[in-house]
N, C-alpha and C. Protein backbone atom coordinates (compact mmCIF):
# COMPACT_ATOMS: atom_id res chain seq x y z
N MET A 1 80.08 212.96 37.02
CA MET A 1 78.74 212.40 37.11
C MET A 1 77.69 213.46 37.43
N ASP A 2 78.10 214.63 37.96
CA ASP A 2 77.14 215.69 38.27
C ASP A 2 76.99 216.69 37.11
N GLY A 3 77.69 216.42 35.98
CA GLY A 3 77.57 217.31 34.83
C GLY A 3 78.33 218.61 34.96
N LYS A 4 79.14 218.75 35.99
CA LYS A 4 79.83 220.01 36.23
C LYS A 4 80.86 220.31 35.16
N HIS A 5 81.62 219.31 34.77
CA HIS A 5 82.66 219.50 33.75
C HIS A 5 82.27 218.72 32.50
N PHE A 6 82.44 219.31 31.35
CA PHE A 6 82.11 218.62 30.11
C PHE A 6 83.01 219.12 28.99
N ARG A 7 83.21 218.27 28.00
CA ARG A 7 83.98 218.65 26.83
C ARG A 7 83.72 217.63 25.73
N ASN A 8 84.02 217.99 24.48
CA ASN A 8 83.95 217.05 23.37
C ASN A 8 85.12 216.08 23.47
N VAL A 9 84.84 214.82 23.27
CA VAL A 9 85.90 213.81 23.20
C VAL A 9 86.20 213.50 21.73
N LEU A 10 85.15 213.35 20.92
CA LEU A 10 85.28 213.17 19.47
C LEU A 10 84.21 214.01 18.80
N SER A 11 84.57 214.73 17.74
CA SER A 11 83.57 215.57 17.07
C SER A 11 83.79 215.63 15.56
N THR A 12 84.65 214.79 15.01
CA THR A 12 84.89 214.80 13.57
C THR A 12 84.52 213.45 12.97
N GLU A 13 84.14 213.47 11.70
CA GLU A 13 83.80 212.25 10.95
C GLU A 13 82.75 211.42 11.69
N LEU A 14 81.81 212.11 12.30
CA LEU A 14 80.65 211.47 12.91
C LEU A 14 79.42 211.97 12.15
N ASP A 15 78.85 211.14 11.30
CA ASP A 15 77.72 211.56 10.48
C ASP A 15 76.41 211.44 11.23
N GLU A 16 76.04 210.23 11.62
CA GLU A 16 74.80 209.99 12.36
C GLU A 16 75.04 208.93 13.43
N PRO A 17 75.80 209.28 14.46
CA PRO A 17 76.06 208.31 15.52
C PRO A 17 74.77 207.94 16.22
N ARG A 18 74.61 206.63 16.53
CA ARG A 18 73.35 206.14 17.07
C ARG A 18 73.46 205.64 18.51
N ALA A 19 74.39 204.75 18.77
CA ALA A 19 74.47 204.14 20.10
C ALA A 19 75.93 204.00 20.51
N ILE A 20 76.14 203.93 21.82
CA ILE A 20 77.51 203.84 22.33
C ILE A 20 77.51 202.89 23.52
N VAL A 21 78.62 202.16 23.66
CA VAL A 21 78.79 201.30 24.82
C VAL A 21 80.24 201.45 25.29
N LEU A 22 80.43 201.43 26.61
CA LEU A 22 81.75 201.65 27.20
C LEU A 22 82.28 200.36 27.83
N ASP A 23 83.59 200.24 27.81
CA ASP A 23 84.29 199.20 28.56
C ASP A 23 85.29 199.93 29.45
N PRO A 24 84.83 200.52 30.56
CA PRO A 24 85.72 201.36 31.37
C PRO A 24 86.88 200.63 32.00
N GLU A 25 86.75 199.31 32.21
CA GLU A 25 87.88 198.58 32.78
C GLU A 25 89.07 198.56 31.83
N LYS A 26 88.79 198.42 30.54
CA LYS A 26 89.86 198.42 29.54
C LYS A 26 90.10 199.80 28.93
N GLY A 27 89.17 200.74 29.18
CA GLY A 27 89.35 202.10 28.69
C GLY A 27 88.94 202.31 27.26
N TYR A 28 87.97 201.53 26.75
CA TYR A 28 87.52 201.67 25.37
C TYR A 28 86.05 202.09 25.31
N MET A 29 85.69 202.72 24.19
CA MET A 29 84.29 202.96 23.86
C MET A 29 84.05 202.50 22.42
N TYR A 30 82.83 202.01 22.18
CA TYR A 30 82.42 201.51 20.87
C TYR A 30 81.12 202.21 20.49
N TRP A 31 80.95 202.52 19.21
CA TRP A 31 79.71 203.17 18.81
C TRP A 31 79.33 202.80 17.37
N THR A 32 78.02 202.98 17.08
CA THR A 32 77.50 202.75 15.74
C THR A 32 77.24 204.10 15.08
N ASP A 33 77.34 204.11 13.74
CA ASP A 33 77.14 205.34 12.97
C ASP A 33 76.44 204.97 11.66
N TRP A 34 75.26 205.55 11.45
CA TRP A 34 74.56 205.31 10.17
C TRP A 34 75.36 205.92 9.03
N GLY A 35 75.45 207.23 8.98
CA GLY A 35 76.29 207.97 8.06
C GLY A 35 76.26 207.54 6.60
N SER A 36 77.04 208.23 5.78
CA SER A 36 77.16 207.86 4.37
C SER A 36 77.86 206.52 4.22
N GLN A 37 78.71 206.17 5.17
CA GLN A 37 79.34 204.86 5.24
C GLN A 37 79.06 204.29 6.62
N ALA A 38 78.00 203.47 6.71
CA ALA A 38 77.64 202.91 8.01
C ALA A 38 78.80 202.12 8.58
N LYS A 39 79.03 202.26 9.89
CA LYS A 39 80.21 201.62 10.47
C LYS A 39 80.07 201.48 11.97
N ILE A 40 80.94 200.64 12.52
CA ILE A 40 81.11 200.49 13.96
C ILE A 40 82.56 200.86 14.25
N GLU A 41 82.76 201.77 15.20
CA GLU A 41 84.11 202.25 15.51
C GLU A 41 84.44 202.03 16.97
N ARG A 42 85.74 202.14 17.25
CA ARG A 42 86.26 202.01 18.61
C ARG A 42 87.31 203.08 18.84
N ALA A 43 87.37 203.58 20.06
CA ALA A 43 88.45 204.50 20.45
C ALA A 43 88.66 204.34 21.94
N ALA A 44 89.82 204.80 22.41
CA ALA A 44 90.01 204.91 23.85
C ALA A 44 89.01 205.94 24.37
N MET A 45 88.70 205.88 25.65
CA MET A 45 87.70 206.78 26.20
C MET A 45 88.18 208.22 26.28
N ASP A 46 89.44 208.47 25.97
CA ASP A 46 89.93 209.85 25.85
C ASP A 46 89.92 210.31 24.39
N GLY A 47 89.40 209.47 23.48
CA GLY A 47 89.28 209.83 22.08
C GLY A 47 90.46 209.44 21.21
N THR A 48 91.50 208.89 21.79
CA THR A 48 92.68 208.52 21.02
C THR A 48 92.52 207.10 20.47
N GLY A 49 93.39 206.75 19.53
CA GLY A 49 93.42 205.39 19.00
C GLY A 49 92.16 204.99 18.27
N ARG A 50 91.53 205.94 17.62
CA ARG A 50 90.27 205.65 16.93
C ARG A 50 90.49 204.72 15.75
N THR A 51 89.61 203.72 15.62
CA THR A 51 89.72 202.78 14.50
C THR A 51 88.34 202.29 14.10
N THR A 52 88.16 202.00 12.82
CA THR A 52 86.92 201.42 12.32
C THR A 52 87.02 199.91 12.41
N LEU A 53 86.08 199.29 13.11
CA LEU A 53 86.09 197.84 13.27
C LEU A 53 85.34 197.15 12.14
N ILE A 54 84.17 197.70 11.77
CA ILE A 54 83.33 197.07 10.74
C ILE A 54 82.71 198.17 9.88
N ASN A 55 82.80 198.04 8.57
CA ASN A 55 82.17 199.01 7.66
C ASN A 55 81.56 198.34 6.43
N THR A 56 81.31 197.03 6.52
CA THR A 56 80.65 196.32 5.43
C THR A 56 79.41 195.61 5.97
N GLY A 57 78.41 195.45 5.12
CA GLY A 57 77.21 194.72 5.51
C GLY A 57 76.35 195.43 6.52
N LEU A 58 76.53 196.75 6.67
CA LEU A 58 75.75 197.55 7.60
C LEU A 58 74.95 198.60 6.82
N VAL A 59 73.76 198.92 7.30
CA VAL A 59 72.96 199.99 6.70
C VAL A 59 72.49 200.96 7.77
N TRP A 60 71.67 200.48 8.72
CA TRP A 60 71.19 201.30 9.83
C TRP A 60 71.55 200.62 11.15
N PRO A 61 72.82 200.54 11.52
CA PRO A 61 73.17 199.93 12.80
C PRO A 61 72.69 200.79 13.96
N ASN A 62 71.85 200.24 14.78
CA ASN A 62 71.28 200.99 15.91
C ASN A 62 71.97 200.61 17.20
N GLY A 63 71.30 199.81 18.05
CA GLY A 63 71.85 199.50 19.36
C GLY A 63 73.13 198.67 19.30
N ILE A 64 73.97 198.87 20.32
CA ILE A 64 75.21 198.09 20.45
C ILE A 64 75.43 197.82 21.92
N THR A 65 75.93 196.62 22.24
CA THR A 65 76.18 196.27 23.63
C THR A 65 77.41 195.39 23.71
N LEU A 66 77.96 195.26 24.90
CA LEU A 66 79.19 194.52 25.13
C LEU A 66 78.90 193.31 26.00
N ASP A 67 79.28 192.14 25.52
CA ASP A 67 79.22 190.90 26.31
C ASP A 67 80.58 190.73 26.96
N LYS A 68 80.70 191.14 28.22
CA LYS A 68 82.00 191.11 28.89
C LYS A 68 82.48 189.69 29.14
N THR A 69 81.54 188.79 29.42
CA THR A 69 81.93 187.41 29.70
C THR A 69 82.57 186.76 28.49
N ALA A 70 81.93 186.89 27.34
CA ALA A 70 82.43 186.28 26.10
C ALA A 70 83.38 187.18 25.34
N GLN A 71 83.52 188.45 25.80
CA GLN A 71 84.37 189.41 25.12
C GLN A 71 83.96 189.57 23.65
N ARG A 72 82.68 189.88 23.47
CA ARG A 72 82.13 190.08 22.13
C ARG A 72 81.23 191.31 22.11
N LEU A 73 81.11 191.91 20.94
CA LEU A 73 80.16 192.99 20.68
C LEU A 73 78.91 192.41 20.03
N TYR A 74 77.75 192.95 20.40
CA TYR A 74 76.49 192.62 19.74
C TYR A 74 75.85 193.92 19.26
N TRP A 75 75.28 193.90 18.07
CA TRP A 75 74.58 195.07 17.57
C TRP A 75 73.39 194.62 16.72
N CYS A 76 72.46 195.55 16.46
CA CYS A 76 71.29 195.24 15.63
C CYS A 76 71.18 196.29 14.53
N ASP A 77 70.70 195.86 13.38
CA ASP A 77 70.59 196.72 12.21
C ASP A 77 69.13 196.77 11.77
N ALA A 78 68.55 197.98 11.74
CA ALA A 78 67.13 198.15 11.44
C ALA A 78 66.80 197.98 9.97
N ARG A 79 67.80 197.93 9.12
CA ARG A 79 67.54 197.81 7.68
C ARG A 79 67.90 196.45 7.11
N THR A 80 68.93 195.81 7.67
CA THR A 80 69.27 194.46 7.22
C THR A 80 68.49 193.41 8.00
N TYR A 81 67.77 193.84 9.07
CA TYR A 81 66.95 192.95 9.91
C TYR A 81 67.79 191.87 10.57
N LYS A 82 68.99 192.26 11.03
CA LYS A 82 69.91 191.30 11.62
C LYS A 82 70.35 191.73 13.01
N ILE A 83 70.58 190.73 13.85
CA ILE A 83 71.39 190.89 15.05
C ILE A 83 72.72 190.23 14.75
N GLU A 84 73.82 190.94 14.99
CA GLU A 84 75.15 190.40 14.69
C GLU A 84 76.06 190.53 15.90
N SER A 85 77.12 189.76 15.86
CA SER A 85 78.15 189.86 16.91
C SER A 85 79.51 189.65 16.28
N SER A 86 80.52 190.12 16.99
CA SER A 86 81.91 189.92 16.56
C SER A 86 82.78 189.94 17.80
N ASP A 87 84.06 189.58 17.63
CA ASP A 87 84.98 189.78 18.75
C ASP A 87 85.27 191.27 18.87
N LEU A 88 86.05 191.65 19.84
CA LEU A 88 86.24 193.07 20.14
C LEU A 88 87.12 193.79 19.12
N ASN A 89 87.64 193.05 18.14
CA ASN A 89 88.40 193.66 17.05
C ASN A 89 87.64 193.63 15.73
N GLY A 90 86.38 193.22 15.78
CA GLY A 90 85.56 193.20 14.58
C GLY A 90 85.64 191.93 13.77
N TYR A 91 86.30 190.90 14.28
CA TYR A 91 86.44 189.64 13.56
C TYR A 91 85.47 188.59 14.12
N ASP A 92 85.45 187.42 13.48
CA ASP A 92 84.58 186.31 13.88
C ASP A 92 83.13 186.78 13.93
N ARG A 93 82.67 187.32 12.84
CA ARG A 93 81.33 187.90 12.75
C ARG A 93 80.26 186.81 12.61
N ARG A 94 79.20 186.91 13.42
CA ARG A 94 78.10 185.96 13.38
C ARG A 94 76.79 186.72 13.33
N GLN A 95 75.69 186.05 12.87
CA GLN A 95 74.45 186.79 12.69
C GLN A 95 73.21 185.92 12.86
N PHE A 96 72.11 186.60 13.23
CA PHE A 96 70.76 186.05 13.17
C PHE A 96 69.95 186.98 12.28
N THR A 97 69.15 186.43 11.39
CA THR A 97 68.32 187.24 10.51
C THR A 97 66.85 187.08 10.90
N PHE A 98 66.14 188.22 10.96
CA PHE A 98 64.72 188.22 11.30
C PHE A 98 63.94 188.88 10.14
N GLN A 99 62.66 188.66 10.09
CA GLN A 99 61.84 189.18 9.01
C GLN A 99 61.29 190.57 9.33
N LEU A 100 61.78 191.58 8.60
CA LEU A 100 61.21 192.93 8.63
C LEU A 100 61.09 193.49 10.04
N VAL A 101 62.13 193.29 10.84
CA VAL A 101 62.14 193.80 12.22
C VAL A 101 62.96 195.07 12.28
N HIS A 102 62.34 196.19 12.68
CA HIS A 102 63.03 197.47 12.78
C HIS A 102 63.71 197.57 14.15
N PHE A 103 64.88 196.94 14.26
CA PHE A 103 65.60 196.87 15.53
C PHE A 103 65.97 198.26 16.05
N PHE A 104 65.98 198.37 17.39
CA PHE A 104 66.43 199.63 17.99
C PHE A 104 67.43 199.39 19.13
N GLY A 105 67.00 198.71 20.21
CA GLY A 105 67.88 198.52 21.37
C GLY A 105 68.28 197.08 21.54
N ILE A 106 69.39 196.85 22.27
CA ILE A 106 69.89 195.49 22.45
C ILE A 106 70.65 195.40 23.77
N ALA A 107 70.54 194.25 24.43
CA ALA A 107 71.27 193.96 25.67
C ALA A 107 71.52 192.46 25.70
N VAL A 108 72.48 192.02 26.51
CA VAL A 108 72.83 190.59 26.55
C VAL A 108 73.06 190.13 27.99
N ASP A 109 72.84 188.82 28.20
CA ASP A 109 73.35 188.17 29.41
C ASP A 109 74.17 186.97 28.95
N ASP A 110 74.40 186.01 29.82
CA ASP A 110 75.29 184.90 29.45
C ASP A 110 74.72 184.02 28.35
N THR A 111 73.40 183.95 28.26
CA THR A 111 72.79 182.99 27.32
C THR A 111 71.88 183.61 26.28
N HIS A 112 71.41 184.84 26.50
CA HIS A 112 70.40 185.40 25.62
C HIS A 112 70.74 186.83 25.18
N VAL A 113 70.12 187.20 24.06
CA VAL A 113 70.11 188.57 23.58
C VAL A 113 68.70 189.11 23.78
N TYR A 114 68.60 190.30 24.37
CA TYR A 114 67.32 190.96 24.55
C TYR A 114 67.26 192.16 23.61
N TRP A 115 66.14 192.32 22.91
CA TRP A 115 66.10 193.40 21.93
C TRP A 115 64.72 194.04 21.84
N THR A 116 64.72 195.27 21.33
CA THR A 116 63.49 195.99 21.04
C THR A 116 63.48 196.36 19.58
N ALA A 117 62.27 196.55 19.06
CA ALA A 117 62.09 196.98 17.67
C ALA A 117 60.85 197.87 17.61
N TRP A 118 60.89 198.88 16.78
CA TRP A 118 59.79 199.83 16.72
C TRP A 118 58.48 199.18 16.25
N ASN A 119 58.57 198.12 15.48
CA ASN A 119 57.35 197.49 14.97
C ASN A 119 57.01 196.18 15.70
N VAL A 120 57.61 195.98 16.88
CA VAL A 120 57.28 194.82 17.72
C VAL A 120 56.91 195.36 19.11
N PRO A 121 55.67 195.16 19.58
CA PRO A 121 55.22 195.80 20.82
C PRO A 121 55.64 195.04 22.09
N SER A 122 56.78 194.39 22.07
CA SER A 122 57.27 193.63 23.22
C SER A 122 58.79 193.74 23.31
N VAL A 123 59.31 193.41 24.48
CA VAL A 123 60.73 193.09 24.59
C VAL A 123 60.89 191.64 24.17
N VAL A 124 61.89 191.34 23.37
CA VAL A 124 62.05 189.99 22.84
C VAL A 124 63.38 189.42 23.30
N ARG A 125 63.37 188.12 23.63
CA ARG A 125 64.58 187.42 24.04
C ARG A 125 64.90 186.34 23.02
N SER A 126 66.17 186.30 22.59
CA SER A 126 66.61 185.30 21.62
C SER A 126 67.85 184.59 22.14
N SER A 127 67.94 183.30 21.90
CA SER A 127 69.10 182.53 22.32
C SER A 127 70.33 182.96 21.53
N LYS A 128 71.46 183.08 22.22
CA LYS A 128 72.71 183.40 21.52
C LYS A 128 73.11 182.30 20.54
N ILE A 129 72.69 181.09 20.82
CA ILE A 129 73.10 179.95 19.98
C ILE A 129 72.10 179.66 18.88
N ASN A 130 70.82 179.61 19.24
CA ASN A 130 69.81 179.16 18.29
C ASN A 130 68.91 180.25 17.76
N GLY A 131 69.04 181.48 18.26
CA GLY A 131 68.14 182.53 17.83
C GLY A 131 66.77 182.33 18.44
N GLY A 132 65.73 182.37 17.61
CA GLY A 132 64.38 182.22 18.12
C GLY A 132 63.88 183.50 18.75
N GLN A 133 62.59 183.50 19.17
CA GLN A 133 61.98 184.69 19.74
C GLN A 133 61.06 184.31 20.89
N GLU A 134 61.31 184.90 22.05
CA GLU A 134 60.45 184.73 23.21
C GLU A 134 60.01 186.13 23.66
N TYR A 135 58.70 186.38 23.67
CA TYR A 135 58.18 187.72 23.93
C TYR A 135 58.01 187.95 25.43
N ILE A 136 58.47 189.09 25.89
CA ILE A 136 58.40 189.48 27.30
C ILE A 136 57.61 190.77 27.39
N GLY A 137 56.43 190.72 28.00
CA GLY A 137 55.59 191.90 28.07
C GLY A 137 54.95 192.19 26.73
N SER A 138 54.05 193.17 26.72
CA SER A 138 53.38 193.52 25.48
C SER A 138 52.77 194.90 25.62
N GLY A 139 52.31 195.44 24.50
CA GLY A 139 51.63 196.73 24.51
C GLY A 139 52.53 197.94 24.48
N PHE A 140 53.83 197.75 24.23
CA PHE A 140 54.74 198.89 24.14
C PHE A 140 54.58 199.58 22.79
N SER A 141 54.65 200.89 22.79
CA SER A 141 54.55 201.65 21.55
C SER A 141 55.93 202.13 21.15
N ARG A 142 56.46 201.59 20.06
CA ARG A 142 57.79 201.94 19.56
C ARG A 142 58.84 201.87 20.66
N PRO A 143 59.06 200.72 21.28
CA PRO A 143 60.07 200.61 22.34
C PRO A 143 61.45 200.96 21.81
N ALA A 144 62.25 201.59 22.64
CA ALA A 144 63.57 202.09 22.19
C ALA A 144 64.69 201.40 22.96
N GLY A 145 65.46 202.17 23.72
CA GLY A 145 66.64 201.61 24.38
C GLY A 145 66.29 200.57 25.43
N ILE A 146 67.22 199.64 25.66
CA ILE A 146 67.03 198.61 26.68
C ILE A 146 68.37 198.36 27.36
N HIS A 147 68.33 198.17 28.69
CA HIS A 147 69.53 197.88 29.47
C HIS A 147 69.22 196.73 30.42
N LEU A 148 70.23 195.99 30.75
CA LEU A 148 70.05 194.78 31.56
C LEU A 148 71.02 194.81 32.73
N MET A 149 70.50 194.54 33.93
CA MET A 149 71.37 194.39 35.10
C MET A 149 70.90 193.18 35.89
N LYS A 150 71.82 192.30 36.23
CA LYS A 150 71.49 191.14 37.03
C LYS A 150 71.50 191.52 38.50
N SER A 151 70.45 191.16 39.20
CA SER A 151 70.33 191.47 40.61
C SER A 151 71.43 190.78 41.42
N GLY A 152 72.11 191.56 42.25
CA GLY A 152 73.09 190.99 43.17
C GLY A 152 74.42 190.62 42.56
N THR A 153 74.66 190.97 41.29
CA THR A 153 75.91 190.58 40.65
C THR A 153 76.77 191.78 40.28
N TYR A 154 76.40 192.97 40.72
CA TYR A 154 77.16 194.16 40.35
C TYR A 154 78.56 194.13 40.94
N GLN A 155 79.54 194.36 40.09
CA GLN A 155 80.93 194.46 40.52
C GLN A 155 81.46 195.85 40.16
N PRO A 156 81.97 196.60 41.12
CA PRO A 156 82.48 197.94 40.79
C PRO A 156 83.62 197.88 39.79
N VAL A 157 83.62 198.85 38.88
CA VAL A 157 84.65 198.92 37.85
C VAL A 157 85.90 199.57 38.44
N SER A 158 87.04 199.03 38.09
CA SER A 158 88.30 199.59 38.56
C SER A 158 89.19 199.93 37.37
N ASN A 159 89.67 201.17 37.34
CA ASN A 159 90.64 201.59 36.34
C ASN A 159 91.48 202.72 36.92
N ALA A 160 92.26 203.36 36.09
CA ALA A 160 93.18 204.40 36.57
C ALA A 160 92.46 205.64 37.09
N CYS A 161 91.16 205.76 36.82
CA CYS A 161 90.38 206.90 37.30
C CYS A 161 89.59 206.59 38.57
N SER A 162 89.64 205.35 39.03
CA SER A 162 88.79 204.93 40.14
C SER A 162 89.16 205.58 41.46
N ASN A 163 90.42 205.87 41.68
CA ASN A 163 90.88 206.40 42.96
C ASN A 163 91.13 207.90 42.84
N GLN A 164 90.32 208.67 43.56
CA GLN A 164 90.50 210.13 43.63
C GLN A 164 90.51 210.79 42.23
N ASN A 165 89.65 210.29 41.36
CA ASN A 165 89.52 210.86 40.01
C ASN A 165 90.86 210.86 39.27
N GLY A 166 91.71 209.87 39.57
CA GLY A 166 93.01 209.79 38.89
C GLY A 166 93.91 210.97 39.16
N ALA A 167 93.62 211.74 40.23
CA ALA A 167 94.34 212.97 40.59
C ALA A 167 94.10 214.10 39.60
N CYS A 168 93.13 213.94 38.69
CA CYS A 168 92.84 214.97 37.69
C CYS A 168 91.98 216.08 38.30
N HIS A 169 92.26 217.30 37.88
CA HIS A 169 91.54 218.47 38.37
C HIS A 169 90.08 218.45 37.89
N HIS A 170 89.86 218.20 36.60
CA HIS A 170 88.51 218.18 36.04
C HIS A 170 88.10 216.76 35.67
N LEU A 171 88.44 216.33 34.48
CA LEU A 171 87.98 215.05 33.94
C LEU A 171 89.10 214.03 33.91
N CYS A 172 88.79 212.84 34.34
CA CYS A 172 89.72 211.71 34.20
C CYS A 172 89.11 210.76 33.18
N LEU A 173 89.80 210.56 32.07
CA LEU A 173 89.32 209.72 30.97
C LEU A 173 90.18 208.47 30.90
N ALA A 174 89.54 207.33 31.12
CA ALA A 174 90.29 206.07 31.08
C ALA A 174 90.73 205.75 29.66
N ARG A 175 91.85 205.09 29.56
CA ARG A 175 92.37 204.60 28.28
C ARG A 175 93.12 203.30 28.57
N PRO A 176 93.36 202.49 27.55
CA PRO A 176 94.09 201.24 27.79
C PRO A 176 95.43 201.50 28.48
N GLY A 177 95.62 200.91 29.63
CA GLY A 177 96.89 201.03 30.34
C GLY A 177 97.04 202.27 31.18
N GLY A 178 96.02 203.10 31.29
CA GLY A 178 96.19 204.31 32.10
C GLY A 178 95.01 205.25 32.01
N ARG A 179 95.31 206.57 32.08
CA ARG A 179 94.27 207.57 32.05
C ARG A 179 94.82 208.86 31.46
N THR A 180 93.91 209.72 31.00
CA THR A 180 94.26 211.05 30.49
C THR A 180 93.46 212.07 31.27
N CYS A 181 94.12 213.06 31.84
CA CYS A 181 93.42 214.17 32.46
C CYS A 181 93.00 215.15 31.37
N SER A 182 91.80 215.67 31.50
CA SER A 182 91.28 216.59 30.51
C SER A 182 90.50 217.69 31.22
N CYS A 183 90.30 218.80 30.53
CA CYS A 183 89.62 219.94 31.12
C CYS A 183 88.31 220.22 30.39
N GLN A 184 87.39 220.84 31.10
CA GLN A 184 86.13 221.19 30.47
C GLN A 184 86.37 222.23 29.38
N SER A 185 85.41 222.37 28.48
CA SER A 185 85.54 223.33 27.38
C SER A 185 85.79 224.73 27.95
N GLY A 186 86.75 225.45 27.34
CA GLY A 186 87.10 226.78 27.80
C GLY A 186 88.22 226.82 28.81
N TRP A 187 88.73 225.64 29.17
CA TRP A 187 89.85 225.54 30.10
C TRP A 187 90.99 224.81 29.41
N ARG A 188 92.20 224.97 29.93
CA ARG A 188 93.39 224.38 29.33
C ARG A 188 94.16 223.58 30.37
N LEU A 189 94.63 222.39 29.94
CA LEU A 189 95.45 221.55 30.81
C LEU A 189 96.84 222.15 30.92
N GLN A 190 97.35 222.23 32.15
CA GLN A 190 98.66 222.82 32.40
C GLN A 190 99.78 221.80 32.18
N ASP A 191 101.02 222.26 32.30
CA ASP A 191 102.17 221.40 32.01
C ASP A 191 102.29 220.21 32.94
N ASP A 192 101.62 220.27 34.09
CA ASP A 192 101.68 219.12 35.00
C ASP A 192 100.75 218.00 34.57
N ASP A 193 99.98 218.22 33.49
CA ASP A 193 99.04 217.23 32.94
C ASP A 193 97.96 216.81 33.92
N VAL A 194 97.70 217.66 34.91
CA VAL A 194 96.69 217.36 35.92
C VAL A 194 95.77 218.57 36.16
N THR A 195 96.36 219.75 36.26
CA THR A 195 95.65 220.96 36.64
C THR A 195 95.03 221.65 35.43
N CYS A 196 93.84 222.22 35.64
CA CYS A 196 93.15 222.97 34.59
C CYS A 196 93.09 224.46 34.96
N ARG A 197 93.22 225.30 33.94
CA ARG A 197 93.14 226.75 34.14
C ARG A 197 92.31 227.35 33.01
N PRO A 198 91.48 228.35 33.29
CA PRO A 198 90.67 228.95 32.22
C PRO A 198 91.55 229.50 31.10
N LEU A 199 91.10 229.36 29.88
CA LEU A 199 91.82 229.93 28.75
C LEU A 199 91.91 231.44 28.94
N GLY A 200 93.12 231.98 28.73
CA GLY A 200 93.32 233.42 28.87
C GLY A 200 93.61 233.86 30.28
N ALA A 201 93.55 232.95 31.25
CA ALA A 201 93.85 233.33 32.64
C ALA A 201 95.33 233.62 32.79
N ALA A 202 95.65 234.58 33.65
CA ALA A 202 97.04 234.96 33.87
C ALA A 202 97.79 233.83 34.55
N SER A 203 99.01 233.60 34.08
CA SER A 203 99.86 232.59 34.69
C SER A 203 101.28 233.14 34.69
N LEU A 204 101.54 234.07 35.62
CA LEU A 204 102.79 234.81 35.63
C LEU A 204 103.74 234.26 36.69
N THR A 205 105.03 234.30 36.36
CA THR A 205 106.05 233.97 37.36
C THR A 205 106.17 235.13 38.33
N LEU A 206 106.90 234.92 39.43
CA LEU A 206 107.09 235.99 40.42
C LEU A 206 107.77 237.20 39.79
N ASN A 207 108.83 236.98 39.00
CA ASN A 207 109.54 238.10 38.38
C ASN A 207 108.63 238.85 37.41
N GLU A 208 107.83 238.10 36.62
CA GLU A 208 106.92 238.74 35.68
C GLU A 208 105.87 239.56 36.43
N SER A 209 105.42 239.05 37.57
CA SER A 209 104.42 239.76 38.35
C SER A 209 104.99 241.06 38.90
N LEU A 210 106.25 241.03 39.41
CA LEU A 210 106.89 242.21 39.93
C LEU A 210 107.07 243.26 38.86
N CYS A 211 107.48 242.82 37.65
CA CYS A 211 107.64 243.77 36.52
C CYS A 211 106.30 244.39 36.16
N PHE A 212 105.23 243.57 36.18
CA PHE A 212 103.92 244.07 35.84
C PHE A 212 103.48 245.15 36.83
N VAL A 213 103.70 244.89 38.15
CA VAL A 213 103.32 245.87 39.17
C VAL A 213 104.16 247.13 39.03
N ARG A 214 105.49 247.00 38.78
CA ARG A 214 106.38 248.13 38.65
C ARG A 214 105.94 249.03 37.49
N ASN A 215 105.55 248.43 36.37
CA ASN A 215 105.12 249.19 35.20
C ASN A 215 103.85 249.97 35.49
N ILE A 216 102.95 249.35 36.27
CA ILE A 216 101.70 250.05 36.61
C ILE A 216 102.01 251.26 37.50
N LEU A 217 102.88 251.05 38.49
CA LEU A 217 103.24 252.14 39.39
C LEU A 217 104.02 253.22 38.67
């Protein structure tokens, strides 16, 4: 959280990634990608198990959010003018269509979807069931990302990384059923799968060290 350790988790076949949402309790991340083939993908938070959930009916998928209560994904598309949702495997797809709305950000609570659009100077609330539009505030210029937190309802997330960083030296990356220890760029994970050492750093046994000293002398 202090930015001290960092590394790439995924860096291939990402054309124009736009938004990302995490489910740290289950160890998954979901993201949208405009790209030559617009799509919504999922992977474990350590980058493994990558899969494409949706790659049809998308053009400019922007914001994406997770409805933990209903276990559904919600996203908005700035070119199809739709807010859509699906289950966490990309099935049971549902949609609301709006007229010429350049969607950008999206958030949800138990009953409503909250969204922003570059050509709408307000935050807008729509019913999950009936759609519709209720304007909240006004005068925003090209509003972008939006996040929602209910006062007094925060519950700490628990996973394999919650206690003592999962015993990992650098990075603890949650994944379904466990965690993966990882090292910042330029460092290498050792055989214990916990400790990190700089690339090229000496790692000699006692006998090798004695031979090295003897040769120098």
